[in-house]
Protein backbone atom coordinates (compact mmCIF):
# COMPACT_ATOMS: atom_id res chain seq x y z
CA UNK A 1 88.98 48.59 -43.82
CA UNK A 2 86.09 50.33 -45.89
CA UNK A 3 89.15 51.84 -48.25
CA UNK A 4 90.68 48.37 -48.72
CA UNK A 5 87.01 46.98 -49.87
CA UNK A 6 86.28 49.44 -52.31
CA UNK A 7 90.18 48.95 -53.83
CA UNK A 8 89.30 45.24 -54.14
CA UNK A 9 86.29 46.02 -56.00
CA UNK A 10 88.19 48.40 -58.21
CA UNK A 11 90.86 45.66 -58.82
CA UNK A 12 88.12 43.32 -59.76
CA UNK A 13 86.72 45.65 -62.22
CA UNK A 14 90.08 46.70 -64.05
CA UNK A 15 91.01 43.30 -64.01
CA UNK A 16 87.79 42.40 -65.78
CA UNK A 17 88.35 45.21 -68.17
CA UNK A 18 91.76 43.89 -69.16
CA UNK A 19 90.76 40.53 -69.72
CA UNK A 20 87.72 41.73 -71.83
CA UNK A 21 90.84 43.71 -74.36
CA UNK A 22 92.87 41.09 -74.18
CA UNK A 23 90.32 38.83 -75.86
CA UNK A 24 89.39 41.19 -78.09
CA UNK A 25 93.22 41.62 -79.19
CA UNK A 26 93.09 37.90 -79.45
CA UNK A 27 90.19 37.86 -81.61
CA UNK A 28 91.17 40.61 -84.29
CA UNK A 29 94.73 38.42 -84.45
CA UNK A 30 93.06 35.16 -85.06
CA UNK A 31 90.61 36.80 -87.47
CA UNK A 32 93.60 37.85 -89.16
CA UNK A 33 95.10 34.61 -89.38
CA UNK A 34 92.20 33.56 -90.95
CA UNK A 35 91.96 36.17 -93.72
CA UNK A 36 95.43 34.84 -94.67
CA UNK A 37 96.03 32.04 -97.05
CA UNK A 38 96.61 28.86 -95.89
CA UNK A 39 100.24 28.18 -94.78
CA UNK A 40 101.67 25.12 -92.89
CA UNK A 41 102.62 27.89 -90.42
CA UNK A 42 98.96 29.01 -89.77
CA UNK A 43 97.89 26.07 -87.75
CA UNK A 44 100.96 26.33 -84.76
CA UNK A 45 100.39 30.30 -84.69
CA UNK A 46 96.54 29.64 -83.88
CA UNK A 47 97.52 26.74 -81.21
CA UNK A 48 99.77 29.55 -79.83
CA UNK A 49 97.40 32.54 -79.47
CA UNK A 50 94.76 29.99 -78.10
CA UNK A 51 97.63 29.03 -75.76
CA UNK A 52 97.86 32.46 -74.57
CA UNK A 53 94.15 32.91 -74.55
CA UNK A 54 93.89 30.12 -72.17
CA UNK A 55 96.87 31.34 -70.24
CA UNK A 56 94.92 34.70 -70.06
CA UNK A 57 91.46 33.17 -68.72
CA UNK A 58 94.03 31.03 -66.18
CA UNK A 59 95.21 34.12 -64.87
CA UNK A 60 92.20 36.31 -64.35
CA UNK A 61 90.42 33.46 -62.70
CA UNK A 62 93.52 33.39 -60.58
CA UNK A 63 93.20 36.93 -59.77
CA UNK A 64 89.51 37.05 -59.09
CA UNK A 65 89.95 34.09 -56.83
CA UNK A 66 92.83 35.74 -54.73
CA UNK A 67 90.66 39.09 -54.97
CA UNK A 68 87.95 37.23 -53.28
CA UNK A 69 90.05 35.81 -50.40
CA UNK A 70 91.22 39.09 -49.84
CA UNK A 71 87.45 40.32 -49.67
CA UNK A 72 86.84 37.73 -47.60
CA UNK A 73 89.56 38.10 -45.17
CA UNK A 74 88.56 41.80 -45.03
CA UNK A 75 84.74 41.15 -44.33
CA UNK A 76 85.88 38.60 -41.65
CA UNK A 77 88.34 41.35 -39.99
CA UNK A 78 85.41 43.57 -40.30
CA UNK A 79 82.77 41.40 -38.70
CA UNK A 80 85.27 39.90 -36.21
CA UNK A 81 84.70 36.50 -37.25
CA UNK A 82 87.60 34.07 -36.62
CA UNK A 83 89.42 32.08 -39.16
CA UNK A 84 90.73 34.61 -41.51
CA UNK A 85 92.93 32.56 -43.93
CA UNK A 86 96.75 32.88 -44.58
CA UNK A 87 97.67 34.73 -47.73
CA UNK A 88 98.79 32.56 -50.33
CA UNK A 89 102.44 32.52 -52.29
CA UNK A 90 101.85 35.31 -55.26
CA UNK A 91 100.29 33.36 -58.23
CA UNK A 92 100.79 36.01 -60.56
CA UNK A 93 104.65 35.38 -60.71
CA UNK A 94 104.30 32.04 -62.04
CA UNK A 95 101.56 33.39 -64.58
CA UNK A 96 103.84 36.01 -65.85
CA UNK A 97 106.79 33.44 -66.18
CA UNK A 98 104.52 31.22 -68.02
CA UNK A 99 103.09 33.91 -70.65
CA UNK A 100 107.02 34.76 -71.10
CA UNK A 101 107.67 31.28 -72.10
CA UNK A 102 104.79 31.17 -74.41
CA UNK A 103 105.64 34.26 -75.78
CA UNK A 104 108.98 32.90 -76.75
CA UNK A 105 107.61 29.98 -78.73
CA UNK A 106 106.91 32.77 -81.58
CA UNK A 107 110.49 32.80 -82.32
CA UNK A 108 111.65 31.69 -85.44
CA UNK A 109 109.03 31.00 -88.75
CA UNK A 110 107.61 33.72 -91.14
CA UNK A 111 105.66 36.28 -89.61
CA UNK A 112 105.96 35.12 -86.12
CA UNK A 113 108.07 38.23 -85.14
CA UNK A 114 104.74 40.41 -85.42
CA UNK A 115 102.82 37.74 -83.74
CA UNK A 116 105.66 38.04 -80.89
CA UNK A 117 105.31 41.58 -80.70
CA UNK A 118 101.62 41.25 -80.31
CA UNK A 119 101.54 39.03 -77.69
CA UNK A 120 103.56 41.03 -75.69
CA UNK A 121 101.57 43.90 -75.94
CA UNK A 122 98.66 41.81 -74.69
CA UNK A 123 100.76 40.59 -72.10
CA UNK A 124 101.88 44.19 -71.00
CA UNK A 125 98.02 45.28 -71.38
CA UNK A 126 96.80 42.21 -69.02
CA UNK A 127 99.60 42.89 -66.24
CA UNK A 128 98.60 46.72 -66.36
CA UNK A 129 95.00 45.80 -65.66
CA UNK A 130 95.77 43.54 -62.98
CA UNK A 131 98.13 45.93 -61.51
CA UNK A 132 95.68 47.41 -58.74
CA UNK A 133 95.04 43.87 -57.49
CA UNK A 134 98.68 43.15 -57.14
CA UNK A 135 99.53 46.15 -55.21
CA UNK A 136 96.36 45.24 -53.11
CA UNK A 137 97.70 41.65 -52.79
CA UNK A 138 101.26 42.85 -51.60
CA UNK A 139 99.75 45.35 -49.40
CA UNK A 140 97.19 42.76 -47.62
CA UNK A 141 100.63 40.51 -47.30
C-alpha cells in the first residue's frame, strides 16, 4: 500500500508539471499571435487556444480529483475504515476525445495548420504527463 501511495504522489506531481508545461506552451503561442498583424482570423485562433487551455485545466482538475479519490481509498484500506468508494468511469477518455475535436477545429484557414500541430504537441505532452496517473487509476480498478 505504501508503494501505491507514493505512486499516487508521483502521478500528481507529474500531472502538475505537465500542466505547467502546457500553460507555458499556450502562453508562447498566444504571445506569438499577439505579435502578428491583426487579421480577421486572429480572434478565432485566440478563442481556440483559450478553449484548449480551459480543457487542459479541466483535465488536470479531473486527474487531481481522481488521484485524491484513489489516495483516500488507499488510506481507508490502510486504516481499515469502511466505505471505500467504487471507482468511477475513466474521465480521461472523454477528455481525450474532446481534445481531439478541439484540435480539429484548427483545420482550414491561413496559419491554422501550424496551430493545429502545436495543439497536438501540447495534447501529447499533457497526456504523457498524466500517464502515471492513468496507470494507477487502471490498476486500482
